[in-house]
């Protein structure tokens, strides 16, 4: 099947937390026989900070906006499915409307939300928001997190359907490597400085460093240059995808901190959780609803409700105990949470729903060969 995608960036993870997700999903949809074209705008200096030079599973079209959009939309009209991701970063409202118009030329249309809490807050805070009236018109709504609360919310807004396709692990890119002595520390956290996460980072990471002055901490991500850091914390800047394994395997423990909105809604494990799992890292996460759907707290992942609880894990577990937890998390991820499985889930949904919509018409073939679909 020909799939045309509008997304933030497949080529660069610079100020683009969805990069790992995009790569995992589209690499594995390609493996199922789909032909992927991914259009991304040349913004935020991402093309100067590429960390995926070779993308054999998709044709990437880096475009200048808004001048190139008419040409891209004309190309998208020839596809069988057109996907508009949330948070493209430029002309989002325009694309939300124009992608739907392509349905008149034959393609099915999907809105694939990579930040459902932000999208839903946007339409609830502004009843006149243009996207609100478009939601019922999309053939599909997918999200990469949010679980039952997000599904129910989208359905209340009139969506025909809503399917969570969660973040996952690509074992080919995230796996154990040797520790780097330059990055050895007690606790590492990598995440960009964002308004709705900064307070939680101050509580769960900066606060921990102050409570444990004898320990060493590493902070990765953009936006922290002007932030005053505790003396036992070192900032290493943007951590590209090629360096994830090195950081995760060098720290005694790795920390996940969800953004405020995702922590409240729950069922939203970010990519860094599965990246750490792939490396076999002992991971501590801030508490949020739905963790147990993905990993067993206390056995496969550690949870904390405050800085003091993070410190208790750091001081209370031996390095060997931490390794066993990281190993168990990795095995669970390989067994149940890979992008191969997520892509098969999406493929099965697309086939089932579109075939049901076209029942009796005989006009639409399966989106992939039957043997590619999961049992």
Protein backbone atom coordinates (compact mmCIF):
# COMPACT_ATOMS: atom_id res chain seq x y z
CA UNK A 1 0.00 0.00 0.00
CA UNK A 2 1.20 3.54 -0.74
CA UNK A 3 1.25 5.63 2.45
CA UNK A 4 2.02 9.36 2.37
CA UNK A 5 2.95 10.89 5.73
CA UNK A 6 3.23 14.46 7.00
CA UNK A 7 5.33 14.44 10.20
CA UNK A 8 7.86 16.50 12.12
CA UNK A 9 11.03 14.64 11.10
CA UNK A 10 12.23 11.16 10.27
CA UNK A 11 15.80 12.30 9.63
CA UNK A 12 16.52 14.15 12.88
CA UNK A 13 15.74 13.77 16.58
CA UNK A 14 16.82 17.37 17.23
CA UNK A 15 13.94 18.98 19.19
CA UNK A 16 11.89 16.05 17.92
CA UNK A 17 10.96 13.50 20.56
CA UNK A 18 8.86 11.49 18.10
CA UNK A 19 11.82 10.51 15.88
CA UNK A 20 12.38 7.08 17.43
CA UNK A 21 8.65 6.35 17.22
CA UNK A 22 8.39 7.38 13.58
CA UNK A 23 11.42 5.30 12.65
CA UNK A 24 10.21 2.21 14.44
CA UNK A 25 6.67 2.37 13.07
CA UNK A 26 7.52 3.16 9.46
CA UNK A 27 10.48 0.80 9.21
CA UNK A 28 8.24 -2.05 10.25
CA UNK A 29 5.25 -1.00 8.15
CA UNK A 30 7.66 -1.01 5.21
CA UNK A 31 8.73 -4.54 6.19
CA UNK A 32 5.06 -5.56 5.92
CA UNK A 33 5.02 -4.44 2.30
CA UNK A 34 3.87 -0.83 2.53
CA UNK A 35 5.56 1.91 0.48
CA UNK A 36 6.24 4.93 2.71
CA UNK A 37 6.72 8.54 1.65
CA UNK A 38 7.49 10.84 4.59
CA UNK A 39 7.29 14.64 4.14
CA UNK A 40 8.98 16.81 6.76
CA UNK A 41 9.47 20.59 6.84
CA UNK A 42 12.94 22.14 6.89
CA UNK A 43 12.61 23.88 10.27
CA UNK A 44 14.28 24.12 13.71
CA UNK A 45 17.75 23.44 12.23
CA UNK A 46 16.93 19.74 12.06
CA UNK A 47 18.63 19.27 8.71
CA UNK A 48 21.83 20.62 10.27
CA UNK A 49 21.48 18.03 13.04
CA UNK A 50 20.57 14.85 11.17
CA UNK A 51 21.18 11.60 13.03
CA UNK A 52 19.68 9.21 10.47
CA UNK A 53 21.55 9.58 7.21
CA UNK A 54 20.31 6.35 5.61
CA UNK A 55 16.56 5.66 5.61
CA UNK A 56 16.03 2.73 3.23
CA UNK A 57 12.47 2.08 4.37
CA UNK A 58 10.99 5.42 3.26
CA UNK A 59 11.30 8.11 0.64
CA UNK A 60 11.92 11.27 2.68
CA UNK A 61 10.86 14.59 1.18
CA UNK A 62 12.31 17.58 3.03
CA UNK A 63 10.25 20.57 1.98
CA UNK A 64 10.27 24.34 2.23
CA UNK A 65 7.08 25.67 3.68
CA UNK A 66 4.63 26.89 2.68
CA UNK A 67 5.78 27.06 -0.96
CA UNK A 68 6.15 23.29 -1.45
CA UNK A 69 2.85 22.26 0.13
CA UNK A 70 0.64 22.37 -3.01
CA UNK A 71 3.05 20.04 -4.82
CA UNK A 72 3.23 17.66 -1.86
CA UNK A 73 -0.54 17.54 -1.45
CA UNK A 74 -0.88 16.70 -5.14
CA UNK A 75 1.55 13.81 -4.67
CA UNK A 76 -0.27 12.67 -1.52
CA UNK A 77 -3.53 12.47 -3.47
CA UNK A 78 -2.06 9.52 -5.40
CA UNK A 79 -1.51 7.50 -2.21
CA UNK A 80 -3.91 4.99 -0.70
CA UNK A 81 -3.54 6.33 2.83
CA UNK A 82 -2.51 9.84 3.88
CA UNK A 83 -1.39 10.34 7.48
CA UNK A 84 -1.22 13.71 9.20
CA UNK A 85 0.77 13.52 12.43
CA UNK A 86 0.22 16.05 15.17
CA UNK A 87 3.02 18.49 15.88
CA UNK A 88 4.52 18.77 12.39
CA UNK A 89 5.70 22.16 13.62
CA UNK A 90 4.63 24.25 10.63
CA UNK A 91 1.25 24.75 8.91
CA UNK A 92 -0.41 22.18 11.16
CA UNK A 93 -3.90 23.66 10.93
CA UNK A 94 -3.62 23.98 7.16
CA UNK A 95 -2.49 20.37 6.79
CA UNK A 96 -5.23 19.07 9.10
CA UNK A 97 -7.83 20.49 6.70
CA UNK A 98 -6.07 19.89 3.38
CA UNK A 99 -5.31 16.22 4.07
CA UNK A 100 -9.02 15.59 4.60
CA UNK A 101 -9.82 17.13 1.22
CA UNK A 102 -7.64 14.47 -0.40
CA UNK A 103 -10.25 11.88 0.55
CA UNK A 104 -12.28 13.03 -2.45
CA UNK A 105 -9.49 11.67 -4.68
CA UNK A 106 -9.59 8.21 -3.09
CA UNK A 107 -7.06 7.99 -0.24
CA UNK A 108 -8.13 7.04 3.25
CA UNK A 109 -7.09 9.66 5.82
CA UNK A 110 -5.64 9.26 9.30
CA UNK A 111 -4.77 11.68 12.07
CA UNK A 112 -1.95 10.11 14.08
CA UNK A 113 -1.49 11.96 17.35
CA UNK A 114 1.95 11.88 18.96
CA UNK A 115 0.90 14.26 21.76
CA UNK A 116 -2.74 13.55 22.52
CA UNK A 117 -2.84 15.47 25.84
CA UNK A 118 -1.74 18.65 24.05
CA UNK A 119 -4.12 18.12 21.12
CA UNK A 120 -7.12 17.44 23.34
CA UNK A 121 -6.30 20.36 25.65
CA UNK A 122 -6.12 22.59 22.58
CA UNK A 123 -9.62 21.73 21.35
CA UNK A 124 -11.17 21.83 24.83
CA UNK A 125 -9.69 25.20 25.71
CA UNK A 126 -10.92 26.69 22.44
CA UNK A 127 -14.33 25.38 21.32
CA UNK A 128 -13.82 27.25 18.04
CA UNK A 129 -10.58 25.44 17.25
CA UNK A 130 -10.64 24.40 13.60
CA UNK A 131 -9.47 20.85 14.30
CA UNK A 132 -12.42 20.06 16.56
CA UNK A 133 -14.91 19.93 13.65
CA UNK A 134 -12.47 17.90 11.53
CA UNK A 135 -12.02 15.02 13.97
CA UNK A 136 -15.18 13.11 12.87
CA UNK A 137 -14.12 13.29 9.23
CA UNK A 138 -10.90 11.27 9.52
CA UNK A 139 -11.15 7.58 8.66
CA UNK A 140 -8.74 6.80 11.50
CA UNK A 141 -7.41 8.39 14.65
CA UNK A 142 -4.27 6.79 16.07
CA UNK A 143 -2.37 7.90 19.16
CA UNK A 144 0.99 6.87 20.56
CA UNK A 145 -0.21 6.99 24.13
CA UNK A 146 -3.07 7.86 26.42
CA UNK A 147 -4.93 4.57 26.68
CA UNK A 148 -8.62 4.46 27.65
CA UNK A 149 -8.85 8.13 28.79
CA UNK A 150 -7.65 9.41 25.40
CA UNK A 151 -9.75 6.92 23.41
CA UNK A 152 -12.88 7.94 25.32
CA UNK A 153 -12.09 11.62 24.85
CA UNK A 154 -11.62 11.32 21.10
CA UNK A 155 -14.84 9.32 20.76
CA UNK A 156 -16.73 12.00 22.71
CA UNK A 157 -15.43 14.51 20.17
CA UNK A 158 -16.97 12.45 17.38
CA UNK A 159 -14.01 10.40 16.14
CA UNK A 160 -15.07 7.35 14.12
CA UNK A 161 -12.49 5.32 16.04
CA UNK A 162 -9.36 5.78 18.12
CA UNK A 163 -6.53 3.27 18.43
CA UNK A 164 -3.49 3.63 20.70
CA UNK A 165 -0.31 2.39 19.00
CA UNK A 166 2.16 2.73 21.83
CA UNK A 167 5.85 3.51 21.80
CA UNK A 168 8.03 0.43 21.67
CA UNK A 169 11.52 -0.99 21.21
CA UNK A 170 13.51 -1.44 18.02
CA UNK A 171 16.11 -4.01 19.12
CA UNK A 172 18.23 -3.24 16.06
CA UNK A 173 18.86 0.32 17.25
CA UNK A 174 18.56 0.14 21.04
CA UNK A 175 20.53 -2.66 22.68
CA UNK A 176 23.28 -3.25 25.28
CA UNK A 177 26.76 -1.80 24.58
CA UNK A 178 29.90 -1.38 26.63
CA UNK A 179 29.85 1.39 29.22
CA UNK A 180 31.68 4.62 28.40
CA UNK A 181 33.89 5.73 31.34
CA UNK A 182 33.23 9.37 30.39
CA UNK A 183 29.51 8.87 30.96
CA UNK A 184 29.55 6.70 34.09
CA UNK A 185 27.24 8.08 36.76
CA UNK A 186 24.66 7.02 39.32
CA UNK A 187 21.65 8.43 37.49
CA UNK A 188 21.12 9.79 33.96
CA UNK A 189 18.19 11.68 32.49
CA UNK A 190 17.90 12.85 28.87
CA UNK A 191 15.04 15.13 27.90
CA UNK A 192 14.58 18.55 26.36
CA UNK A 193 13.69 21.47 28.60
CA UNK A 194 9.94 21.91 28.11
CA UNK A 195 7.52 24.12 30.09
CA UNK A 196 5.21 21.32 31.20
CA UNK A 197 8.08 19.06 32.31
CA UNK A 198 10.56 21.45 33.90
CA UNK A 199 8.94 21.48 37.34
CA UNK A 200 8.92 17.68 37.39
CA UNK A 201 12.58 17.59 36.32
CA UNK A 202 13.41 19.96 39.15
CA UNK A 203 11.57 17.70 41.61
CA UNK A 204 12.62 14.25 40.37
CA UNK A 205 16.15 14.96 39.13
CA UNK A 206 17.61 18.22 40.45
CA UNK A 207 16.04 17.52 43.84
CA UNK A 208 17.57 14.04 43.89
CA UNK A 209 21.04 15.44 43.14
CA UNK A 210 20.72 17.82 46.07
CA UNK A 211 19.55 15.05 48.41
CA UNK A 212 22.42 12.74 47.32
CA UNK A 213 25.52 14.97 47.11
CA UNK A 214 27.80 11.91 47.16
CA UNK A 215 26.42 10.68 43.82
CA UNK A 216 27.04 11.71 40.19
CA UNK A 217 24.32 12.77 37.75
CA UNK A 218 24.25 13.34 33.98
CA UNK A 219 21.65 15.51 32.23
CA UNK A 220 21.09 15.32 28.47
CA UNK A 221 18.83 17.27 26.15
CA UNK A 222 18.56 20.75 24.71
CA UNK A 223 17.53 23.92 26.52
CA UNK A 224 19.43 23.43 29.79
CA UNK A 225 22.50 25.58 29.02
CA UNK A 226 21.28 28.55 31.07
CA UNK A 227 19.95 26.44 33.94
CA UNK A 228 21.87 26.48 37.22
CA UNK A 229 22.85 22.87 37.96
CA UNK A 230 23.80 21.17 41.22
CA UNK A 231 27.57 20.70 41.57
CA UNK A 232 27.30 16.93 41.17
CA UNK A 233 25.40 17.18 37.86
CA UNK A 234 26.90 17.45 34.36
CA UNK A 235 25.01 18.56 31.25
CA UNK A 236 26.05 16.82 28.01
CA UNK A 237 23.73 18.60 25.54
CA UNK A 238 21.60 16.96 22.87
CA UNK A 239 21.77 13.16 22.94
CA UNK A 240 21.27 11.88 19.40
CA UNK A 241 19.77 8.46 18.83
CA UNK A 242 23.21 7.03 18.08
CA UNK A 243 24.31 7.89 21.62
CA UNK A 244 21.28 6.56 23.53
CA UNK A 245 22.81 3.14 24.14
CA UNK A 246 26.10 4.60 25.32
CA UNK A 247 24.38 6.85 27.88
CA UNK A 248 21.90 4.23 29.06
CA UNK A 249 24.55 1.53 29.48
CA UNK A 250 26.98 3.81 31.32
CA UNK A 251 24.62 4.97 34.08
CA UNK A 252 23.93 2.80 37.12
CA UNK A 253 20.26 3.78 36.74
CA UNK A 254 18.29 5.74 34.13
CA UNK A 255 15.46 8.12 34.97
CA UNK A 256 12.24 8.73 33.05
CA UNK A 257 10.21 11.87 33.77
CA UNK A 258 6.92 12.29 31.93
CA UNK A 259 5.56 15.66 30.95
CA UNK A 260 2.85 16.93 33.30
CA UNK A 261 -0.01 16.33 30.87
CA UNK A 262 1.08 12.78 30.02
CA UNK A 263 1.63 11.90 33.67
CA UNK A 264 -1.92 13.02 34.52
CA UNK A 265 -3.60 11.07 31.71
CA UNK A 266 -1.31 8.06 32.05
CA UNK A 267 -0.84 5.10 29.70
CA UNK A 268 1.87 7.16 27.96
CA UNK A 269 5.30 5.52 28.18
CA UNK A 270 7.69 7.78 26.24
CA UNK A 271 10.29 6.48 23.84
CA UNK A 272 13.08 6.85 26.42
CA UNK A 273 11.48 4.09 28.55
CA UNK A 274 11.76 1.55 25.73
CA UNK A 275 15.18 2.85 24.67
CA UNK A 276 16.41 2.21 28.21
CA UNK A 277 14.71 -1.19 28.20
CA UNK A 278 16.54 -2.13 25.02
CA UNK A 279 19.84 -1.28 26.66
CA UNK A 280 18.94 -3.38 29.70
CA UNK A 281 19.21 -0.31 31.92
CA UNK A 282 17.71 -0.27 35.40
CA UNK A 283 15.01 2.38 34.95
CA UNK A 284 13.25 4.56 37.51
CA UNK A 285 10.12 6.38 36.35
CA UNK A 286 7.89 8.96 37.95
CA UNK A 287 4.55 7.38 38.81
CA UNK A 288 1.63 7.57 36.37
CA UNK A 289 -1.50 5.49 35.71
CA UNK A 290 -1.03 2.48 33.48
CA UNK A 291 2.64 1.67 34.13
CA UNK A 292 1.71 -1.90 35.00
CA UNK A 293 0.24 -2.42 31.50
CA UNK A 294 3.78 -2.23 30.12
CA UNK A 295 6.20 -3.31 32.89
CA UNK A 296 5.86 -4.83 36.34
CA UNK A 297 6.72 -2.21 39.00
CA UNK A 298 9.43 -3.42 41.35
CA UNK A 299 10.48 -6.31 39.09
CA UNK A 300 10.93 -4.78 35.63
CA UNK A 301 10.82 -1.05 36.37
CA UNK A 302 11.10 1.09 39.49
CA UNK A 303 8.54 3.79 40.29
CA UNK A 304 8.84 6.89 42.44
CA UNK A 305 6.38 9.51 43.60
CA UNK A 306 8.95 12.04 44.81
CA UNK A 307 12.67 12.80 44.96
CA UNK A 308 13.09 10.99 48.26
CA UNK A 309 11.81 7.75 46.72
CA UNK A 310 14.28 8.06 43.85
CA UNK A 311 17.09 8.47 46.37
CA UNK A 312 15.90 5.41 48.27
CA UNK A 313 16.18 3.32 45.10
CA UNK A 314 19.64 4.69 44.37
CA UNK A 315 20.90 3.96 47.86
CA UNK A 316 18.95 0.77 48.51
CA UNK A 317 19.74 -1.34 45.45
CA UNK A 318 23.08 -2.91 44.64
CA UNK A 319 24.46 -2.69 41.13
CA UNK A 320 23.74 -6.39 40.63
CA UNK A 321 20.11 -5.98 41.71
CA UNK A 322 19.79 -3.10 39.26
CA UNK A 323 21.19 -5.23 36.46
CA UNK A 324 18.61 -7.95 37.15
CA UNK A 325 15.76 -5.42 36.96
CA UNK A 326 17.15 -4.01 33.69
CA UNK A 327 17.51 -7.51 32.26
CA UNK A 328 13.91 -8.37 33.17
CA UNK A 329 12.66 -5.14 31.59
CA UNK A 330 14.56 -5.85 28.39
CA UNK A 331 13.15 -9.38 28.12
CA UNK A 332 9.61 -8.07 28.62
CA UNK A 333 10.12 -5.41 25.95
CA UNK A 334 11.51 -7.94 23.46
CA UNK A 335 8.60 -10.25 24.18
CA UNK A 336 5.69 -7.80 24.13
CA UNK A 337 6.74 -4.28 23.13
CA UNK A 338 8.58 -4.16 19.81
CA UNK A 339 7.87 -1.92 16.84
CA UNK A 340 7.40 -5.03 14.73
CA UNK A 341 4.41 -5.89 16.92
CA UNK A 342 3.10 -2.31 16.90
CA UNK A 343 3.28 -2.12 13.09
CA UNK A 344 1.43 -5.42 12.77
CA UNK A 345 -1.23 -4.06 15.09
CA UNK A 346 -1.66 -0.93 12.95
CA UNK A 347 -1.67 -2.99 9.76
CA UNK A 348 -4.40 -5.29 11.10
CA UNK A 349 -6.55 -2.30 12.16
CA UNK A 350 -6.21 -0.63 8.77
CA UNK A 351 -7.18 -3.79 6.92
CA UNK A 352 -10.08 -4.66 9.19
CA UNK A 353 -11.66 -1.21 9.33
CA UNK A 354 -11.30 -0.35 5.65
CA UNK A 355 -12.56 -3.72 4.52
CA UNK A 356 -15.58 -3.30 6.81
CA UNK A 357 -16.24 0.19 5.41
CA UNK A 358 -16.09 -1.15 1.86
CA UNK A 359 -18.09 -4.31 2.51
CA UNK A 360 -20.11 -5.15 -0.54
CA UNK A 361 -18.38 -2.59 -2.75
CA UNK A 362 -15.52 -4.86 -3.76
CA UNK A 363 -13.44 -1.79 -4.51
CA UNK A 364 -10.62 -1.97 -2.03
CA UNK A 365 -7.96 -4.67 -1.82
CA UNK A 366 -6.26 -5.58 1.49
CA UNK A 367 -3.62 -3.08 2.46
CA UNK A 368 -0.99 -5.80 2.68
CA UNK A 369 -0.68 -9.44 1.72
CA UNK A 370 -2.68 -11.70 4.07
CA UNK A 371 0.46 -13.50 5.22
CA UNK A 372 1.80 -10.16 6.51
CA UNK A 373 -1.07 -9.71 8.94
CA UNK A 374 -0.76 -10.98 12.53
CA UNK A 375 -2.71 -14.03 13.57
